[in-house]
Amino acid sequence: MDTSLERARTKQSSAKSRQGLTEAKLRELQPGERAYKVSDGGNGLYVLVSPSGSRSFRYDYRLGGRRETLTIGRHEPVARLVQRSHLAYGMDVTLEEARLLLARARVDVSSGRSPARAKVEQRGEVADAKTFGRWATRYFEFKSDAKSGAERLADSTLALRRSIYNRILAGPFGNLNLDEIKPVALGELLDRVKTERGPGPAVHAREMVLQVYRFAAGKGVDVANPAEALARKAYATFVPRERNLSRHEIKVLLDALEETGTGPTLRLAVRFMLLTGVRKGEFIGATWAEVDWERARWLIPAERMKAGKAHTVYLSEQALDILTTLRTCFPSSRFVHPSRYDSSEPISQATLNRTVAAAVVRINEDRTPDQEQFLPVSVHDLRRTFSSRLNDALFPEALIEACLAHQMRDQVAAAYNHARLSGPRRALMQAWAEMLDCWMRGATAREVIVRGKAKIDAAAHDAEGMNL
């Protein structure tokens, strides 16, 4: 295109600029070798026609002594049914819509706000709304909301999943769009997690991804769930495991329990179960009428025992102290530990497990990535711990089984005198409580064990110990 034709086009543009733009004039604008501008009658809006033929509305302004340009949007000659409140910078817009957005931009500038910067931030927010990290945030918000009803997760479960997301998933996947996370990439991450951290974290990471994608799908997002292509058993096959705590793990768990946000009486309840070795249901249904304070024993009726036979739990000094505190806290309830919301009902079946799980989450939150994770613990694991640690200390097995209300298959063991005596059982329960005290101080329980065995033997031969 020669120079004279370019000058003619510029004059034509200037003449049109003074008159203001119309949709018809916009359609007549032809591309040149260089981009050129056509003003919309001096209101600050102009259209930039590129050599490719595209037409975009723009607005130049000065803010804080700096010149900025806002690209309002590309010209779209066909009117659409778009509400004014839905108009946004960067859309395809008609001339009328561009003028509306210009008015919005001029208000921003007069108020000292940069519409160009707002557009960039808006674009970032739109992009962020599609990311795995953003959907994970929405998932946590929904699952923690009391209005979510049955969909709401327990605080301990939420804490565990947040920990998994922050420690394992946020770094590699947080800023990726949902459709950018493929099964191969997820599988490679889970393989590394399994190798470096263990199968438990890998399984929980897969579960977290699975749930976030399912949540997004429930909100209308049509995207493949990469976790569904990966079998859970490829990262861990969990078989029934006799989980019991070592003496070091006991201290770690009970210390963490004191730092959780759960109620103090629930912490005492967990300690009481570890002290007594009873089943969860036996404690939950416990009433004050069953506690014999004078003889320091707890009489559990047959209807609440698994074997259908009444059972006596001999209470150590430490266990009695806990019961005294619980009685002080719940003077008007018939239950040893009533429900938080109704003192005429006992605590729920899930409450104690949530309390223990919260302590485990607290432990793992304080551990670095290179430290081994503290394995999950259930309330029943406390009963296994009671049995395992006493057997390790070589206390009489039949005596331990009697304290646990187990039916001995070995007839010789069943007939073992210790299992029928209250004195030896009392001595064993007190020795166990003192062993726990030693471990909580970080000390060895060797002397306590020796002393406890001597007391058991003495009680077995004590004529008073024959009084059941």
Protein backbone atom coordinates (compact mmCIF):
# COMPACT_ATOMS: atom_id res chain seq x y z
CA MET A 1 0.00 0.00 0.00
CA ASP A 2 1.51 3.37 -1.08
CA THR A 3 1.98 6.38 1.17
CA SER A 4 -0.74 8.47 -0.46
CA LEU A 5 -3.34 5.74 0.15
CA GLU A 6 -2.21 5.44 3.79
CA ARG A 7 -2.62 9.24 4.22
CA ALA A 8 -6.04 9.06 2.69
CA ARG A 9 -7.03 6.24 5.08
CA THR A 10 -5.77 8.31 8.03
CA LYS A 11 -7.85 11.32 6.93
CA GLN A 12 -10.85 9.03 6.54
CA SER A 13 -10.28 7.68 10.05
CA SER A 14 -9.99 11.19 11.46
CA ALA A 15 -13.22 12.28 9.84
CA LYS A 16 -15.01 9.20 11.20
CA SER A 17 -13.49 9.79 14.62
CA ARG A 18 -15.01 13.25 14.87
CA GLN A 19 -18.41 11.81 14.02
CA GLY A 20 -18.20 8.87 16.47
CA LEU A 21 -18.37 5.21 15.65
CA THR A 22 -21.35 3.14 14.59
CA GLU A 23 -21.65 -0.57 13.97
CA ALA A 24 -21.85 0.13 10.25
CA LYS A 25 -18.67 2.22 10.32
CA LEU A 26 -16.89 -0.50 12.29
CA ARG A 27 -17.73 -3.10 9.68
CA GLU A 28 -16.35 -0.81 6.93
CA LEU A 29 -12.92 -0.52 8.55
CA GLN A 30 -10.39 -2.45 6.49
CA PRO A 31 -6.97 -3.71 7.67
CA GLY A 32 -3.78 -2.04 6.54
CA GLU A 33 -0.12 -2.94 6.57
CA ARG A 34 0.07 -1.38 10.02
CA ALA A 35 -2.36 -1.23 12.90
CA TYR A 36 -4.31 2.02 13.12
CA LYS A 37 -6.74 3.68 15.53
CA VAL A 38 -10.21 5.13 15.02
CA SER A 39 -11.62 7.24 17.85
CA ASP A 40 -15.21 7.03 19.07
CA GLY A 41 -15.94 10.73 18.90
CA GLY A 42 -13.47 11.91 21.51
CA ASN A 43 -14.93 10.10 24.54
CA GLY A 44 -11.62 8.29 25.14
CA LEU A 45 -12.71 5.05 23.48
CA TYR A 46 -11.07 3.99 20.24
CA VAL A 47 -10.88 0.89 18.11
CA LEU A 48 -7.52 -0.55 17.03
CA VAL A 49 -7.62 -2.28 13.66
CA SER A 50 -4.79 -4.80 13.29
CA PRO A 51 -3.21 -5.95 10.00
CA SER A 52 -5.03 -9.26 10.50
CA GLY A 53 -8.38 -7.47 10.44
CA SER A 54 -9.34 -7.89 14.11
CA ARG A 55 -10.88 -4.86 15.81
CA SER A 56 -10.43 -4.27 19.53
CA PHE A 57 -11.77 -1.50 21.74
CA ARG A 58 -9.19 0.28 23.87
CA TYR A 59 -8.95 3.12 26.36
CA ASP A 60 -5.81 5.13 27.20
CA TYR A 61 -5.59 6.92 30.55
CA ARG A 62 -3.06 8.24 33.04
CA LEU A 63 -2.97 7.10 36.64
CA GLY A 64 -0.37 8.14 39.20
CA GLY A 65 1.70 9.82 36.50
CA ARG A 66 1.82 6.60 34.49
CA ARG A 67 0.17 5.95 31.14
CA GLU A 68 -1.85 2.77 30.90
CA THR A 69 -3.93 1.13 28.22
CA LEU A 70 -7.00 -0.99 28.86
CA THR A 71 -8.06 -3.44 26.16
CA ILE A 72 -11.79 -3.49 26.72
CA GLY A 73 -12.53 -6.33 24.31
CA ARG A 74 -12.73 -7.45 20.71
CA HIS A 75 -15.50 -6.08 18.51
CA GLU A 76 -18.43 -8.43 18.13
CA PRO A 77 -21.04 -6.92 15.78
CA VAL A 78 -23.84 -9.35 16.71
CA ALA A 79 -25.76 -8.31 19.81
CA ARG A 80 -26.13 -10.98 22.51
CA LEU A 81 -28.36 -11.33 25.55
CA VAL A 82 -25.77 -10.39 28.16
CA GLN A 83 -26.79 -8.62 31.35
CA ARG A 84 -24.88 -5.45 32.12
CA SER A 85 -23.69 -6.86 35.44
CA HIS A 86 -22.11 -9.81 33.58
CA LEU A 87 -20.04 -7.66 31.24
CA ALA A 88 -16.30 -7.95 31.84
CA TYR A 89 -13.12 -6.66 30.27
CA GLY A 90 -11.71 -9.03 27.67
CA MET A 91 -15.06 -10.26 26.34
CA ASP A 92 -16.20 -10.00 22.73
CA VAL A 93 -18.43 -6.92 22.86
CA THR A 94 -20.59 -4.73 20.68
CA LEU A 95 -19.98 -1.01 20.38
CA GLU A 96 -22.73 -0.28 22.89
CA GLU A 97 -21.24 -2.77 25.40
CA ALA A 98 -17.78 -1.31 24.89
CA ARG A 99 -19.14 2.13 25.79
CA LEU A 100 -20.70 0.71 28.97
CA LEU A 101 -17.38 -0.84 29.95
CA LEU A 102 -15.64 2.45 29.12
CA ALA A 103 -17.91 4.24 31.57
CA ARG A 104 -17.03 1.66 34.23
CA ALA A 105 -13.33 2.12 33.52
CA ARG A 106 -13.56 5.91 33.73
CA VAL A 107 -15.19 5.62 37.17
CA ASP A 108 -12.32 3.36 38.30
CA VAL A 109 -9.72 5.82 37.05
CA SER A 110 -11.43 8.78 38.73
CA SER A 111 -11.37 6.77 41.98
CA GLY A 112 -7.66 6.03 41.62
CA ARG A 113 -8.12 2.39 40.58
CA SER A 114 -6.44 0.83 37.56
CA PRO A 115 -8.95 -0.97 35.31
CA ALA A 116 -6.10 -2.61 33.39
CA ARG A 117 -4.69 -4.10 36.57
CA ALA A 118 -8.19 -5.17 37.64
CA LYS A 119 -8.53 -7.02 34.34
CA VAL A 120 -5.29 -8.94 34.95
CA GLU A 121 -6.40 -9.83 38.47
CA GLN A 122 -9.80 -10.90 37.19
CA ARG A 123 -8.16 -13.12 34.59
CA GLY A 124 -6.03 -14.66 37.33
CA GLU A 125 -9.09 -15.31 39.49
CA VAL A 126 -10.86 -17.02 36.59
CA ALA A 127 -7.82 -19.18 35.93
CA ASP A 128 -7.41 -19.95 39.63
CA ALA A 129 -11.04 -21.03 39.87
CA LYS A 130 -10.23 -23.94 37.55
CA THR A 131 -7.23 -25.22 39.48
CA PHE A 132 -7.03 -28.31 41.67
CA GLY A 133 -5.97 -26.10 44.56
CA ARG A 134 -9.05 -23.93 44.29
CA TRP A 135 -11.35 -26.95 44.10
CA ALA A 136 -9.58 -28.48 47.10
CA THR A 137 -10.30 -25.27 49.04
CA ARG A 138 -13.97 -25.38 48.05
CA TYR A 139 -14.09 -29.07 49.03
CA PHE A 140 -12.71 -28.30 52.51
CA GLU A 141 -15.10 -25.37 52.95
CA PHE A 142 -18.08 -27.55 52.06
CA LYS A 143 -17.03 -30.52 54.17
CA SER A 144 -16.46 -28.32 57.24
CA ASP A 145 -19.72 -26.36 56.94
CA ALA A 146 -22.39 -27.27 59.50
CA LYS A 147 -25.01 -26.64 56.79
CA SER A 148 -23.63 -29.57 54.78
CA GLY A 149 -25.51 -31.97 57.03
CA ALA A 150 -24.53 -35.60 56.58
CA GLU A 151 -21.84 -34.54 54.07
CA ARG A 152 -19.92 -32.75 56.81
CA LEU A 153 -16.75 -34.55 57.88
CA ALA A 154 -15.44 -34.98 61.40
CA ASP A 155 -12.82 -32.41 62.39
CA SER A 156 -10.17 -35.12 62.74
CA THR A 157 -10.84 -36.42 59.21
CA LEU A 158 -10.70 -32.90 57.79
CA ALA A 159 -7.46 -32.23 59.60
CA LEU A 160 -5.92 -35.40 58.20
CA ARG A 161 -6.99 -34.60 54.63
CA ARG A 162 -5.76 -31.01 54.88
CA SER A 163 -2.44 -32.32 56.10
CA ILE A 164 -2.22 -34.74 53.15
CA TYR A 165 -3.09 -31.98 50.69
CA ASN A 166 -0.62 -29.46 52.11
CA ARG A 167 2.27 -31.89 52.50
CA ILE A 168 1.87 -34.02 49.36
CA LEU A 169 -0.49 -32.55 46.75
CA ALA A 170 -0.35 -28.75 46.93
CA GLY A 171 3.18 -28.44 45.55
CA PRO A 172 2.93 -30.54 42.38
CA PHE A 173 -0.79 -30.13 41.63
CA GLY A 174 -2.15 -27.05 43.42
CA ASN A 175 -1.74 -24.64 40.48
CA LEU A 176 -2.72 -27.07 37.73
CA ASN A 177 -6.15 -27.07 36.14
CA LEU A 178 -8.25 -30.15 36.78
CA ASP A 179 -7.91 -31.29 33.16
CA GLU A 180 -4.11 -31.00 33.34
CA ILE A 181 -3.63 -33.70 36.02
CA LYS A 182 -3.34 -37.00 34.21
CA PRO A 183 -3.31 -40.54 35.68
CA VAL A 184 0.34 -41.04 34.69
CA ALA A 185 1.49 -37.95 36.60
CA LEU A 186 -0.63 -38.83 39.62
CA GLY A 187 0.63 -42.42 39.54
CA GLU A 188 4.26 -41.27 39.47
CA LEU A 189 3.65 -39.00 42.46
CA LEU A 190 1.95 -41.77 44.44
CA ASP A 191 4.80 -44.17 43.64
CA ARG A 192 7.30 -41.68 45.06
CA VAL A 193 5.15 -41.10 48.14
CA LYS A 194 4.86 -44.85 48.73
CA THR A 195 8.63 -45.29 48.44
CA GLU A 196 9.62 -42.27 50.51
CA ARG A 197 6.80 -42.03 53.05
CA GLY A 198 5.02 -45.35 53.08
CA PRO A 199 1.79 -46.85 51.70
CA GLY A 200 -0.51 -45.05 54.16
CA PRO A 201 0.23 -41.50 52.92
CA ALA A 202 0.06 -42.72 49.29
CA VAL A 203 -3.41 -44.20 49.78
CA HIS A 204 -4.66 -41.07 51.55
CA ALA A 205 -3.24 -38.84 48.79
CA ARG A 206 -5.07 -40.89 46.15
CA GLU A 207 -8.27 -40.67 48.20
CA MET A 208 -7.91 -36.89 48.50
CA VAL A 209 -7.59 -36.47 44.72
CA LEU A 210 -10.50 -38.84 44.16
CA GLN A 211 -12.78 -36.87 46.48
CA VAL A 212 -11.88 -33.41 45.13
CA TYR A 213 -12.63 -34.48 41.55
CA ARG A 214 -15.90 -36.09 42.61
CA PHE A 215 -16.83 -32.87 44.42
CA ALA A 216 -16.07 -30.83 41.28
CA ALA A 217 -18.11 -33.25 39.17
CA GLY A 218 -21.02 -32.77 41.55
CA LYS A 219 -20.81 -29.04 40.82
CA GLY A 220 -21.12 -29.61 37.07
CA VAL A 221 -17.46 -29.82 36.05
CA ASP A 222 -17.03 -32.33 33.23
CA VAL A 223 -13.50 -33.67 33.68
CA ALA A 224 -11.97 -37.14 33.97
CA ASN A 225 -10.99 -38.20 37.48
CA PRO A 226 -7.34 -39.33 37.33
CA ALA A 227 -7.57 -41.21 40.63
CA GLU A 228 -10.21 -43.57 39.25
CA ALA A 229 -7.67 -44.95 36.79
CA LEU A 230 -5.35 -45.95 39.65
CA ALA A 231 -6.22 -48.93 41.83
CA ARG A 232 -6.05 -48.30 45.56
CA LYS A 233 -4.49 -51.71 46.14
CA ALA A 234 -1.56 -50.74 43.92
CA TYR A 235 -0.29 -48.52 46.73
CA ALA A 236 -1.32 -50.43 49.83
CA THR A 237 -3.21 -53.59 50.62
CA PHE A 238 -4.36 -53.28 54.17
CA VAL A 239 -4.93 -56.48 56.06
CA PRO A 240 -6.23 -56.72 59.62
CA ARG A 241 -3.31 -55.55 61.74
CA GLU A 242 -2.78 -56.03 65.44
CA ARG A 243 -1.83 -52.42 66.12
CA ASN A 244 -0.42 -51.84 69.56
CA LEU A 245 1.69 -49.01 70.87
CA SER A 246 5.26 -49.31 72.07
CA ARG A 247 6.11 -47.56 75.33
CA HIS A 248 7.60 -44.69 73.31
CA GLU A 249 4.46 -44.41 71.15
CA ILE A 250 2.29 -44.35 74.29
CA LYS A 251 4.12 -41.24 75.49
CA VAL A 252 3.95 -39.59 72.07
CA LEU A 253 0.21 -40.25 71.78
CA LEU A 254 -0.71 -39.12 75.30
CA ASP A 255 1.47 -36.01 75.03
CA ALA A 256 -0.20 -35.09 71.73
CA LEU A 257 -3.60 -35.75 73.25
CA GLU A 258 -2.99 -32.93 75.72
CA GLU A 259 -2.36 -30.52 72.83
CA THR A 260 -5.48 -31.28 70.82
CA GLY A 261 -8.57 -29.12 70.84
CA THR A 262 -10.78 -31.85 72.24
CA GLY A 263 -12.49 -31.64 75.63
CA PRO A 264 -10.39 -32.42 78.71
CA THR A 265 -12.81 -35.08 79.93
CA LEU A 266 -12.42 -36.96 76.63
CA ARG A 267 -8.65 -36.97 77.12
CA LEU A 268 -9.21 -38.46 80.57
CA ALA A 269 -11.56 -41.05 79.09
CA VAL A 270 -8.85 -42.19 76.65
CA ARG A 271 -6.34 -42.50 79.49
CA PHE A 272 -8.87 -44.40 81.59
CA MET A 273 -9.41 -46.93 78.80
CA LEU A 274 -5.68 -47.45 78.46
CA LEU A 275 -5.42 -47.92 82.23
CA THR A 276 -8.25 -50.44 82.40
CA GLY A 277 -7.98 -52.26 79.06
CA VAL A 278 -11.77 -52.32 78.63
CA ARG A 279 -13.65 -52.35 75.34
CA LYS A 280 -15.08 -49.10 74.00
CA GLY A 281 -18.69 -50.16 74.45
CA GLU A 282 -18.04 -51.19 78.04
CA PHE A 283 -16.80 -47.71 78.88
CA ILE A 284 -19.44 -45.84 76.89
CA GLY A 285 -22.29 -47.55 78.74
CA ALA A 286 -20.66 -47.27 82.16
CA THR A 287 -22.83 -45.76 84.91
CA TRP A 288 -21.92 -44.50 88.35
CA ALA A 289 -24.06 -47.23 89.91
CA GLU A 290 -21.49 -49.76 88.64
CA VAL A 291 -18.57 -48.10 90.46
CA ASP A 292 -17.80 -49.49 93.91
CA TRP A 293 -15.75 -46.68 95.42
CA GLU A 294 -15.21 -48.43 98.75
CA ARG A 295 -13.65 -51.54 97.19
CA ALA A 296 -12.04 -49.66 94.27
CA ARG A 297 -13.66 -51.73 91.57
CA TRP A 298 -15.99 -51.35 88.62
CA LEU A 299 -18.66 -54.04 88.23
CA ILE A 300 -19.75 -54.38 84.58
CA PRO A 301 -23.04 -56.33 84.32
CA ALA A 302 -23.33 -59.39 82.07
CA GLU A 303 -25.69 -57.70 79.61
CA ARG A 304 -22.98 -55.21 78.67
CA MET A 305 -20.18 -57.74 78.29
CA LYS A 306 -19.23 -59.39 74.99
CA ALA A 307 -19.12 -62.88 76.54
CA GLY A 308 -22.36 -62.35 78.43
CA LYS A 309 -20.71 -62.74 81.84
CA ALA A 310 -20.34 -60.06 84.50
CA HIS A 311 -16.82 -58.66 84.81
CA THR A 312 -14.96 -56.86 87.58
CA VAL A 313 -12.36 -54.22 86.75
CA TYR A 314 -10.03 -53.52 89.66
CA LEU A 315 -9.17 -49.84 89.70
CA SER A 316 -5.68 -48.46 90.22
CA GLU A 317 -5.12 -45.23 92.13
CA GLN A 318 -4.65 -43.44 88.80
CA ALA A 319 -7.94 -44.81 87.43
CA LEU A 320 -9.76 -43.76 90.60
CA ASP A 321 -8.37 -40.24 90.25
CA ILE A 322 -9.77 -40.01 86.73
CA LEU A 323 -13.19 -41.26 87.85
CA THR A 324 -13.17 -38.70 90.65
CA THR A 325 -12.57 -35.92 88.13
CA LEU A 326 -15.29 -37.20 85.80
CA ARG A 327 -17.74 -37.40 88.70
CA THR A 328 -16.95 -33.77 89.53
CA CYS A 329 -17.52 -32.73 85.91
CA PHE A 330 -20.76 -34.72 85.47
CA PRO A 331 -22.48 -34.72 88.88
CA SER A 332 -26.03 -34.89 87.53
CA SER A 333 -25.63 -37.64 84.92
CA ARG A 334 -25.94 -41.33 85.62
CA PHE A 335 -23.30 -42.05 82.97
CA VAL A 336 -19.60 -41.92 83.74
CA HIS A 337 -19.15 -39.79 80.61
CA PRO A 338 -22.41 -38.45 79.19
CA SER A 339 -23.07 -36.96 75.79
CA ARG A 340 -22.01 -33.38 75.26
CA TYR A 341 -25.52 -32.39 74.21
CA ASP A 342 -27.68 -34.58 76.45
CA SER A 343 -26.51 -35.64 79.91
CA SER A 344 -29.15 -38.37 79.98
CA GLU A 345 -27.34 -40.16 77.14
CA PRO A 346 -23.79 -41.58 76.97
CA ILE A 347 -21.16 -40.32 74.52
CA SER A 348 -21.47 -41.61 70.96
CA GLN A 349 -19.59 -44.59 69.56
CA ALA A 350 -17.45 -42.32 67.36
CA THR A 351 -16.42 -39.71 69.92
CA LEU A 352 -13.44 -41.50 71.44
CA ASN A 353 -12.09 -42.63 68.06
CA ARG A 354 -12.26 -39.02 66.85
CA THR A 355 -10.38 -37.93 69.96
CA VAL A 356 -7.58 -40.43 69.38
CA ALA A 357 -7.49 -39.64 65.64
CA ALA A 358 -7.10 -35.93 66.41
CA ALA A 359 -4.04 -36.70 68.50
CA VAL A 360 -2.53 -38.73 65.65
CA VAL A 361 -3.11 -35.85 63.25
CA ARG A 362 -1.39 -33.49 65.68
CA ILE A 363 1.61 -35.82 65.88
CA ASN A 364 1.99 -36.04 62.10
CA GLU A 365 1.55 -32.29 61.60
CA ASP A 366 4.63 -31.70 63.72
CA ARG A 367 6.74 -34.23 61.80
CA THR A 368 8.99 -33.31 58.90
CA PRO A 369 8.63 -35.02 55.49
CA ASP A 370 11.65 -37.21 56.14
CA GLN A 371 10.24 -38.50 59.43
CA GLU A 372 8.15 -41.65 59.54
CA GLN A 373 4.45 -40.98 59.96
CA PHE A 374 2.70 -42.06 63.16
CA LEU A 375 0.33 -44.85 62.15
CA PRO A 376 -3.41 -44.49 62.85
CA VAL A 377 -4.66 -45.70 66.22
CA SER A 378 -8.13 -46.86 67.21
CA VAL A 379 -9.58 -47.07 70.70
CA HIS A 380 -9.45 -50.87 70.52
CA ASP A 381 -5.71 -50.60 69.89
CA LEU A 382 -5.40 -49.31 73.45
CA ARG A 383 -6.77 -52.62 74.68
CA ARG A 384 -4.22 -54.48 72.53
CA THR A 385 -1.51 -52.23 73.94
CA PHE A 386 -2.57 -53.13 77.48
CA SER A 387 -2.25 -56.84 76.66
CA SER A 388 0.95 -56.63 74.59
CA ARG A 389 3.01 -54.53 76.98
CA LEU A 390 2.04 -56.61 80.02
CA ASN A 391 2.86 -59.83 78.17
CA ASP A 392 6.18 -58.34 77.07
CA ALA A 393 6.93 -57.67 80.74
CA LEU A 394 6.28 -61.39 81.40
CA PHE A 395 3.39 -60.94 83.78
CA PRO A 396 1.28 -64.13 84.08
CA GLU A 397 -0.70 -64.51 80.84
CA ALA A 398 -3.74 -65.99 82.52
CA LEU A 399 -3.86 -63.03 84.89
CA ILE A 400 -3.73 -60.60 81.99
CA GLU A 401 -6.48 -62.52 80.17
CA ALA A 402 -8.63 -62.43 83.29
CA CYS A 403 -8.26 -58.65 83.49
CA LEU A 404 -9.37 -58.46 79.84
CA ALA A 405 -12.35 -60.78 80.49
CA HIS A 406 -11.05 -63.25 77.91
CA GLN A 407 -12.11 -66.87 77.99
CA MET A 408 -8.98 -69.02 78.10
CA ARG A 409 -9.04 -71.99 75.70
CA ASP A 410 -6.17 -73.66 77.53
CA GLN A 411 -7.79 -75.50 80.41
CA VAL A 412 -4.56 -75.44 82.41
CA ALA A 413 -4.30 -71.69 81.99
CA ALA A 414 -7.99 -71.30 82.76
CA ALA A 415 -7.46 -73.07 86.03
CA TYR A 416 -4.41 -70.96 86.90
CA ASN A 417 -4.98 -69.62 90.36
CA HIS A 418 -4.04 -66.02 89.58
CA ALA A 419 -6.96 -65.64 87.21
CA ARG A 420 -9.42 -66.29 90.03
CA LEU A 421 -7.94 -63.99 92.63
CA SER A 422 -8.82 -60.39 93.23
CA GLY A 423 -5.53 -59.62 95.01
CA PRO A 424 -3.20 -60.50 92.10
CA ARG A 425 -5.44 -58.71 89.65
CA ARG A 426 -5.40 -55.58 91.77
CA ALA A 427 -1.62 -55.75 91.96
CA LEU A 428 -1.36 -56.17 88.18
CA MET A 429 -3.60 -53.18 87.46
CA GLN A 430 -1.64 -50.97 89.83
CA ALA A 431 1.67 -52.12 88.34
CA TRP A 432 0.36 -51.29 84.85
CA ALA A 433 -0.65 -47.78 85.94
CA GLU A 434 2.78 -47.18 87.43
CA MET A 435 4.46 -48.51 84.27
CA LEU A 436 2.55 -45.89 82.27
CA ASP A 437 3.63 -43.18 84.70
CA CYS A 438 7.27 -44.17 84.22
CA TRP A 439 7.01 -44.13 80.45
CA MET A 440 5.30 -40.74 80.49
CA ARG A 441 8.30 -39.40 82.41
CA GLY A 442 10.61 -40.96 79.83
CA ALA A 443 11.95 -43.39 82.42
CA THR A 444 12.30 -47.17 82.43
CA ALA A 445 9.63 -49.21 84.22
CA ARG A 446 11.98 -52.08 85.13
CA GLU A 447 11.80 -51.55 88.89
CA VAL A 448 8.03 -51.11 88.79
CA ILE A 449 7.68 -54.42 86.94
CA VAL A 450 9.84 -56.29 89.43
CA ARG A 451 7.96 -54.77 92.34
CA GLY A 452 4.60 -55.52 90.70
CA LYS A 453 5.43 -59.21 90.22
CA ALA A 454 6.46 -59.48 93.85
CA LYS A 455 3.14 -57.98 94.94
CA ILE A 456 1.25 -60.38 92.67
CA ASP A 457 3.02 -63.37 94.19
CA ALA A 458 2.45 -62.06 97.69
CA ALA A 459 -1.24 -61.52 97.00
CA ALA A 460 -1.57 -65.00 95.53
CA HIS A 461 -0.38 -66.52 98.80
CA ASP A 462 -2.17 -64.06 101.01
CA ALA A 463 -5.21 -65.59 102.64
CA GLU A 464 -7.02 -62.25 102.32
CA GLY A 465 -6.41 -62.39 98.61
CA MET A 466 -8.65 -65.44 98.38
CA ASN A 467 -11.67 -63.31 99.27
CA LEU A 468 -13.39 -62.62 95.99
